[in-house]
PDB file of N, CA and C in Angstrom:
ATOM      1  N   MET A   1      12.445  53.780 -57.356  1.00  0.00           N
ATOM      2  CA  MET A   1      12.974  55.060 -56.912  1.00  0.00           C
ATOM      3  C   MET A   1      12.625  55.249 -55.439  1.00  0.00           C
ATOM      4  N   VAL A   2      13.586  55.715 -54.683  1.00  0.00           N
ATOM      5  CA  VAL A   2      13.405  55.964 -53.258  1.00  0.00           C
ATOM      6  C   VAL A   2      12.807  57.363 -53.084  1.00  0.00           C
ATOM      7  N   ILE A   3      11.806  57.462 -52.221  1.00  0.00           N
ATOM      8  CA  ILE A   3      11.170  58.744 -51.942  1.00  0.00           C
ATOM      9  C   ILE A   3      11.490  59.135 -50.509  1.00  0.00           C
ATOM     10  N   LYS A   4      12.115  60.313 -50.342  1.00  0.00           N
ATOM     11  CA  LYS A   4      12.426  60.853 -49.029  1.00  0.00           C
ATOM     12  C   LYS A   4      11.532  62.056 -48.781  1.00  0.00           C
ATOM     13  N   PHE A   5      11.220  62.321 -47.519  1.00  0.00           N
ATOM     14  CA  PHE A   5      10.355  63.433 -47.156  1.00  0.00           C
ATOM     15  C   PHE A   5      11.126  64.413 -46.274  1.00  0.00           C
ATOM     16  N   SER A   6      11.060  65.692 -46.632  1.00  0.00           N
ATOM     17  CA  SER A   6      11.681  66.719 -45.789  1.00  0.00           C
ATOM     18  C   SER A   6      10.820  66.918 -44.537  1.00  0.00           C
ATOM     19  N   ARG A   7      11.382  67.560 -43.547  1.00  0.00           N
ATOM     20  CA  ARG A   7      10.640  67.834 -42.322  1.00  0.00           C
ATOM     21  C   ARG A   7       9.426  68.711 -42.623  1.00  0.00           C
ATOM     22  N   HIS A   8       9.605  69.685 -43.501  1.00  0.00           N
ATOM     23  CA  HIS A   8       8.503  70.571 -43.889  1.00  0.00           C
ATOM     24  C   HIS A   8       7.381  69.769 -44.556  1.00  0.00           C
ATOM     25  N   ALA A   9       7.749  68.853 -45.435  1.00  0.00           N
ATOM     26  CA  ALA A   9       6.750  68.033 -46.129  1.00  0.00           C
ATOM     27  C   ALA A   9       5.972  67.164 -45.138  1.00  0.00           C
ATOM     28  N   LYS A  10       6.653  66.586 -44.170  1.00  0.00           N
ATOM     29  CA  LYS A  10       5.967  65.766 -43.163  1.00  0.00           C
ATOM     30  C   LYS A  10       4.983  66.601 -42.356  1.00  0.00           C
ATOM     31  N   ARG A  11       5.366  67.835 -42.063  1.00  0.00           N
ATOM     32  CA  ARG A  11       4.460  68.720 -41.314  1.00  0.00           C
ATOM     33  C   ARG A  11       3.246  69.116 -42.145  1.00  0.00           C
ATOM     34  N   ARG A  12       3.439  69.404 -43.427  1.00  0.00           N
ATOM     35  CA  ARG A  12       2.318  69.744 -44.308  1.00  0.00           C
ATOM     36  C   ARG A  12       1.391  68.536 -44.477  1.00  0.00           C
ATOM     37  N   MET A  13       1.982  67.348 -44.583  1.00  0.00           N
ATOM     38  CA  MET A  13       1.173  66.131 -44.715  1.00  0.00           C
ATOM     39  C   MET A  13       0.311  65.925 -43.473  1.00  0.00           C
ATOM     40  N   ALA A  14       0.867  66.160 -42.299  1.00  0.00           N
ATOM     41  CA  ALA A  14       0.097  66.027 -41.060  1.00  0.00           C
ATOM     42  C   ALA A  14      -0.997  67.092 -40.981  1.00  0.00           C
ATOM     43  N   LEU A  15      -0.683  68.303 -41.407  1.00  0.00           N
ATOM     44  CA  LEU A  15      -1.650  69.404 -41.369  1.00  0.00           C
ATOM     45  C   LEU A  15      -2.862  69.109 -42.240  1.00  0.00           C
ATOM     46  N   TYR A  16      -2.636  68.578 -43.441  1.00  0.00           N
ATOM     47  CA  TYR A  16      -3.718  68.341 -44.388  1.00  0.00           C
ATOM     48  C   TYR A  16      -4.224  66.901 -44.382  1.00  0.00           C
ATOM     49  N   GLY A  17      -3.706  66.055 -43.503  1.00  0.00           N
ATOM     50  CA  GLY A  17      -4.188  64.681 -43.398  1.00  0.00           C
ATOM     51  C   GLY A  17      -3.792  63.804 -44.574  1.00  0.00           C
ATOM     52  N   LEU A  18      -2.610  64.021 -45.110  1.00  0.00           N
ATOM     53  CA  LEU A  18      -2.124  63.231 -46.241  1.00  0.00           C
ATOM     54  C   LEU A  18      -1.249  62.095 -45.735  1.00  0.00           C
ATOM     55  N   ASP A  19      -1.209  61.000 -46.475  1.00  0.00           N
ATOM     56  CA  ASP A  19      -0.296  59.922 -46.124  1.00  0.00           C
ATOM     57  C   ASP A  19       0.661  59.655 -47.281  1.00  0.00           C
ATOM     58  N   GLU A  20       1.644  58.808 -47.045  1.00  0.00           N
ATOM     59  CA  GLU A  20       2.680  58.547 -48.043  1.00  0.00           C
ATOM     60  C   GLU A  20       2.115  57.892 -49.299  1.00  0.00           C
ATOM     61  N   HIS A  21       1.068  57.104 -49.145  1.00  0.00           N
ATOM     62  CA  HIS A  21       0.450  56.456 -50.312  1.00  0.00           C
ATOM     63  C   HIS A  21      -0.141  57.496 -51.265  1.00  0.00           C
ATOM     64  N   GLU A  22      -0.810  58.502 -50.738  1.00  0.00           N
ATOM     65  CA  GLU A  22      -1.397  59.551 -51.574  1.00  0.00           C
ATOM     66  C   GLU A  22      -0.317  60.357 -52.290  1.00  0.00           C
ATOM     67  N   ILE A  23       0.798  60.591 -51.631  1.00  0.00           N
ATOM     68  CA  ILE A  23       1.910  61.319 -52.250  1.00  0.00           C
ATOM     69  C   ILE A  23       2.527  60.482 -53.372  1.00  0.00           C
ATOM     70  N   SER A  24       2.747  59.198 -53.118  1.00  0.00           N
ATOM     71  CA  SER A  24       3.323  58.338 -54.164  1.00  0.00           C
ATOM     72  C   SER A  24       2.367  58.181 -55.332  1.00  0.00           C
ATOM     73  N   LEU A  25       1.068  58.152 -55.069  1.00  0.00           N
ATOM     74  CA  LEU A  25       0.076  58.097 -56.147  1.00  0.00           C
ATOM     75  C   LEU A  25       0.123  59.359 -56.999  1.00  0.00           C
ATOM     76  N   ALA A  26       0.281  60.510 -56.364  1.00  0.00           N
ATOM     77  CA  ALA A  26       0.394  61.774 -57.099  1.00  0.00           C
ATOM     78  C   ALA A  26       1.655  61.800 -57.957  1.00  0.00           C
ATOM     79  N   ILE A  27       2.737  61.226 -57.455  1.00  0.00           N
ATOM     80  CA  ILE A  27       3.990  61.193 -58.215  1.00  0.00           C
ATOM     81  C   ILE A  27       3.878  60.257 -59.415  1.00  0.00           C
ATOM     82  N   GLU A  28       3.255  59.106 -59.223  1.00  0.00           N
ATOM     83  CA  GLU A  28       3.144  58.122 -60.298  1.00  0.00           C
ATOM     84  C   GLU A  28       2.148  58.528 -61.375  1.00  0.00           C
ATOM     85  N   GLU A  29       0.993  59.063 -60.974  1.00  0.00           N
ATOM     86  CA  GLU A  29      -0.094  59.303 -61.920  1.00  0.00           C
ATOM     87  C   GLU A  29      -0.393  60.773 -62.182  1.00  0.00           C
ATOM     88  N   GLY A  30       0.236  61.673 -61.463  1.00  0.00           N
ATOM     89  CA  GLY A  30      -0.073  63.093 -61.598  1.00  0.00           C
ATOM     90  C   GLY A  30       0.582  63.751 -62.803  1.00  0.00           C
ATOM     91  N   GLU A  31       0.127  64.953 -63.079  1.00  0.00           N
ATOM     92  CA  GLU A  31       0.692  65.773 -64.163  1.00  0.00           C
ATOM     93  C   GLU A  31       2.023  66.341 -63.689  1.00  0.00           C
ATOM     94  N   LYS A  32       3.086  66.070 -64.435  1.00  0.00           N
ATOM     95  CA  LYS A  32       4.430  66.494 -64.042  1.00  0.00           C
ATOM     96  C   LYS A  32       4.789  67.797 -64.734  1.00  0.00           C
ATOM     97  N   GLN A  33       5.351  68.745 -63.956  1.00  0.00           N
ATOM     98  CA  GLN A  33       5.806  70.022 -64.480  1.00  0.00           C
ATOM     99  C   GLN A  33       7.208  70.297 -63.960  1.00  0.00           C
ATOM    100  N   GLU A  34       8.086  70.715 -64.838  1.00  0.00           N
ATOM    101  CA  GLU A  34       9.445  71.100 -64.444  1.00  0.00           C
ATOM    102  C   GLU A  34       9.418  72.577 -64.053  1.00  0.00           C
ATOM    103  N   LEU A  35       9.936  72.903 -62.892  1.00  0.00           N
ATOM    104  CA  LEU A  35      10.003  74.290 -62.447  1.00  0.00           C
ATOM    105  C   LEU A  35      11.359  74.879 -62.815  1.00  0.00           C
ATOM    106  N   PRO A  36      11.452  76.203 -62.998  1.00  0.00           N
ATOM    107  CA  PRO A  36      12.709  76.820 -63.438  1.00  0.00           C
ATOM    108  C   PRO A  36      13.877  76.659 -62.461  1.00  0.00           C
ATOM    109  N   ASP A  37      13.602  76.467 -61.182  1.00  0.00           N
ATOM    110  CA  ASP A  37      14.678  76.348 -60.206  1.00  0.00           C
ATOM    111  C   ASP A  37      15.192  74.913 -60.032  1.00  0.00           C
ATOM    112  N   GLY A  38      14.821  74.018 -60.940  1.00  0.00           N
ATOM    113  CA  GLY A  38      15.309  72.653 -60.911  1.00  0.00           C
ATOM    114  C   GLY A  38      14.429  71.685 -60.133  1.00  0.00           C
ATOM    115  N   LYS A  39      13.331  72.164 -59.613  1.00  0.00           N
ATOM    116  CA  LYS A  39      12.411  71.297 -58.877  1.00  0.00           C
ATOM    117  C   LYS A  39      11.366  70.726 -59.824  1.00  0.00           C
ATOM    118  N   VAL A  40      10.666  69.728 -59.349  1.00  0.00           N
ATOM    119  CA  VAL A  40       9.622  69.067 -60.121  1.00  0.00           C
ATOM    120  C   VAL A  40       8.321  69.202 -59.349  1.00  0.00           C
ATOM    121  N   CYS A  41       7.246  69.475 -60.057  1.00  0.00           N
ATOM    122  CA  CYS A  41       5.936  69.656 -59.446  1.00  0.00           C
ATOM    123  C   CYS A  41       4.978  68.605 -60.020  1.00  0.00           C
ATOM    124  N   PHE A  42       4.218  67.950 -59.154  1.00  0.00           N
ATOM    125  CA  PHE A  42       3.212  66.979 -59.568  1.00  0.00           C
ATOM    126  C   PHE A  42       1.856  67.483 -59.097  1.00  0.00           C
ATOM    127  N   ILE A  43       0.876  67.469 -59.995  1.00  0.00           N
ATOM    128  CA  ILE A  43      -0.477  67.908 -59.643  1.00  0.00           C
ATOM    129  C   ILE A  43      -1.419  66.747 -59.930  1.00  0.00           C
ATOM    130  N   PHE A  44      -2.214  66.382 -58.916  1.00  0.00           N
ATOM    131  CA  PHE A  44      -3.074  65.207 -59.027  1.00  0.00           C
ATOM    132  C   PHE A  44      -4.353  65.440 -58.240  1.00  0.00           C
ATOM    133  N   LYS A  45      -5.489  65.091 -58.811  1.00  0.00           N
ATOM    134  CA  LYS A  45      -6.786  65.256 -58.148  1.00  0.00           C
ATOM    135  C   LYS A  45      -7.098  64.012 -57.335  1.00  0.00           C
ATOM    136  N   ILE A  46      -7.294  64.207 -56.030  1.00  0.00           N
ATOM    137  CA  ILE A  46      -7.739  63.116 -55.170  1.00  0.00           C
ATOM    138  C   ILE A  46      -9.119  63.471 -54.627  1.00  0.00           C
ATOM    139  N   ASP A  47      -9.879  62.462 -54.262  1.00  0.00           N
ATOM    140  CA  ASP A  47     -11.259  62.679 -53.829  1.00  0.00           C
ATOM    141  C   ASP A  47     -11.374  63.340 -52.459  1.00  0.00           C
ATOM    142  N   LYS A  48     -10.323  63.309 -51.682  1.00  0.00           N
ATOM    143  CA  LYS A  48     -10.339  63.844 -50.324  1.00  0.00           C
ATOM    144  C   LYS A  48     -10.529  65.361 -50.286  1.00  0.00           C
ATOM    145  N   PHE A  49     -10.013  66.056 -51.305  1.00  0.00           N
ATOM    146  CA  PHE A  49     -10.044  67.520 -51.331  1.00  0.00           C
ATOM    147  C   PHE A  49     -10.866  68.032 -52.506  1.00  0.00           C
ATOM    148  N   LYS A  50     -11.357  69.238 -52.340  1.00  0.00           N
ATOM    149  CA  LYS A  50     -12.122  69.885 -53.410  1.00  0.00           C
ATOM    150  C   LYS A  50     -11.204  70.267 -54.572  1.00  0.00           C
ATOM    151  N   TYR A  51      -9.969  70.650 -54.252  1.00  0.00           N
ATOM    152  CA  TYR A  51      -9.009  71.089 -55.266  1.00  0.00           C
ATOM    153  C   TYR A  51      -7.888  70.063 -55.420  1.00  0.00           C
ATOM    154  N   PRO A  52      -7.117  70.132 -56.495  1.00  0.00           N
ATOM    155  CA  PRO A  52      -6.030  69.169 -56.716  1.00  0.00           C
ATOM    156  C   PRO A  52      -4.916  69.278 -55.676  1.00  0.00           C
ATOM    157  N   LEU A  53      -4.201  68.188 -55.521  1.00  0.00           N
ATOM    158  CA  LEU A  53      -3.058  68.111 -54.628  1.00  0.00           C
ATOM    159  C   LEU A  53      -1.801  68.486 -55.399  1.00  0.00           C
ATOM    160  N   LYS A  54      -0.953  69.324 -54.799  1.00  0.00           N
ATOM    161  CA  LYS A  54       0.305  69.719 -55.430  1.00  0.00           C
ATOM    162  C   LYS A  54       1.452  69.186 -54.587  1.00  0.00           C
ATOM    163  N   VAL A  55       2.387  68.501 -55.247  1.00  0.00           N
ATOM    164  CA  VAL A  55       3.560  67.945 -54.590  1.00  0.00           C
ATOM    165  C   VAL A  55       4.789  68.530 -55.275  1.00  0.00           C
ATOM    166  N   VAL A  56       5.670  69.172 -54.511  1.00  0.00           N
ATOM    167  CA  VAL A  56       6.899  69.757 -55.051  1.00  0.00           C
ATOM    168  C   VAL A  56       8.068  68.927 -54.534  1.00  0.00           C
ATOM    169  N   ALA A  57       8.970  68.557 -55.464  1.00  0.00           N
ATOM    170  CA  ALA A  57      10.079  67.685 -55.101  1.00  0.00           C
ATOM    171  C   ALA A  57      11.357  68.107 -55.813  1.00  0.00           C
ATOM    172  N   VAL A  58      12.474  67.649 -55.269  1.00  0.00           N
ATOM    173  CA  VAL A  58      13.782  67.803 -55.898  1.00  0.00           C
ATOM    174  C   VAL A  58      14.177  66.424 -56.396  1.00  0.00           C
ATOM    175  N   ALA A  59      14.436  66.306 -57.691  1.00  0.00           N
ATOM    176  CA  ALA A  59      14.744  65.007 -58.289  1.00  0.00           C
ATOM    177  C   ALA A  59      16.252  64.819 -58.415  1.00  0.00           C
ATOM    178  N   LYS A  60      16.727  63.718 -57.901  1.00  0.00           N
ATOM    179  CA  LYS A  60      18.115  63.280 -58.060  1.00  0.00           C
ATOM    180  C   LYS A  60      18.074  61.965 -58.854  1.00  0.00           C
ATOM    181  N   PRO A  61      19.195  61.519 -59.383  1.00  0.00           N
ATOM    182  CA  PRO A  61      19.168  60.298 -60.202  1.00  0.00           C
ATOM    183  C   PRO A  61      18.613  59.059 -59.501  1.00  0.00           C
ATOM    184  N   ASP A  62      18.888  58.881 -58.214  1.00  0.00           N
ATOM    185  CA  ASP A  62      18.452  57.662 -57.545  1.00  0.00           C
ATOM    186  C   ASP A  62      17.380  57.862 -56.473  1.00  0.00           C
ATOM    187  N   TYR A  63      17.014  59.108 -56.168  1.00  0.00           N
ATOM    188  CA  TYR A  63      15.952  59.336 -55.206  1.00  0.00           C
ATOM    189  C   TYR A  63      15.236  60.654 -55.471  1.00  0.00           C
ATOM    190  N   LEU A  64      14.096  60.817 -54.819  1.00  0.00           N
ATOM    191  CA  LEU A  64      13.245  61.998 -54.962  1.00  0.00           C
ATOM    192  C   LEU A  64      12.986  62.528 -53.555  1.00  0.00           C
ATOM    193  N   THR A  65      13.291  63.792 -53.306  1.00  0.00           N
ATOM    194  CA  THR A  65      13.039  64.401 -52.006  1.00  0.00           C
ATOM    195  C   THR A  65      11.812  65.295 -52.109  1.00  0.00           C
ATOM    196  N   ILE A  66      10.786  64.965 -51.348  1.00  0.00           N
ATOM    197  CA  ILE A  66       9.559  65.752 -51.342  1.00  0.00           C
ATOM    198  C   ILE A  66       9.800  66.990 -50.484  1.00  0.00           C
ATOM    199  N   VAL A  67       9.601  68.162 -51.072  1.00  0.00           N
ATOM    200  CA  VAL A  67       9.819  69.427 -50.372  1.00  0.00           C
ATOM    201  C   VAL A  67       8.549  69.858 -49.652  1.00  0.00           C
ATOM    202  N   THR A  68       7.413  69.796 -50.336  1.00  0.00           N
ATOM    203  CA  THR A  68       6.142  70.180 -49.744  1.00  0.00           C
ATOM    204  C   THR A  68       4.999  69.511 -50.493  1.00  0.00           C
ATOM    205  N   ALA A  69       3.849  69.443 -49.851  1.00  0.00           N
ATOM    206  CA  ALA A  69       2.640  68.892 -50.462  1.00  0.00           C
ATOM    207  C   ALA A  69       1.439  69.584 -49.838  1.00  0.00           C
ATOM    208  N   TYR A  70       0.525  70.024 -50.680  1.00  0.00           N
ATOM    209  CA  TYR A  70      -0.648  70.745 -50.174  1.00  0.00           C
ATOM    210  C   TYR A  70      -1.738  70.777 -51.233  1.00  0.00           C
ATOM    211  N   PRO A  71      -2.994  70.925 -50.821  1.00  0.00           N
ATOM    212  CA  PRO A  71      -4.077  71.106 -51.799  1.00  0.00           C
ATOM    213  C   PRO A  71      -4.050  72.542 -52.328  1.00  0.00           C
ATOM    214  N   LEU A  72      -4.234  72.685 -53.617  1.00  0.00           N
ATOM    215  CA  LEU A  72      -4.258  74.018 -54.221  1.00  0.00           C
ATOM    216  C   LEU A  72      -5.491  74.774 -53.773  1.00  0.00           C
ATOM    217  N   LYS A  73      -5.405  76.071 -53.717  1.00  0.00           N
ATOM    218  CA  LYS A  73      -6.534  76.887 -53.272  1.00  0.00           C
ATOM    219  C   LYS A  73      -7.462  77.255 -54.434  1.00  0.00           C
ATOM    220  N   LYS A  74      -6.956  77.122 -55.661  1.00  0.00           N
ATOM    221  CA  LYS A  74      -7.747  77.431 -56.839  1.00  0.00           C
ATOM    222  C   LYS A  74      -7.765  76.232 -57.758  1.00  0.00           C
ATOM    223  N   ALA A  75      -8.864  76.079 -58.462  1.00  0.00           N
ATOM    224  CA  ALA A  75      -8.964  74.977 -59.424  1.00  0.00           C
ATOM    225  C   ALA A  75      -8.088  75.268 -60.624  1.00  0.00           C
ATOM    226  N   ARG A  76      -7.512  74.237 -61.216  1.00  0.00           N
ATOM    227  CA  ARG A  76      -6.658  74.407 -62.385  1.00  0.00           C
ATOM    228  C   ARG A  76      -7.393  73.957 -63.609  1.00  0.00           C
TER     229      ARG A  76
END
């Protein structure tokens, strides 16, 4: 599956010091949740942050567009 990043997602990744490998790891191994507006949310705990990483994406049949990625402010 091809993973594309929105401009907003690239800016959030730079702000929080995330790289594409960490995002792909969250997508592959994270907890997947379907959101009511048709988006997909992945939540995955990485050692870099105190709280889990949240990745929001729009899923299409042949690719995934990452909308945003950020560490959650509260523990889940």
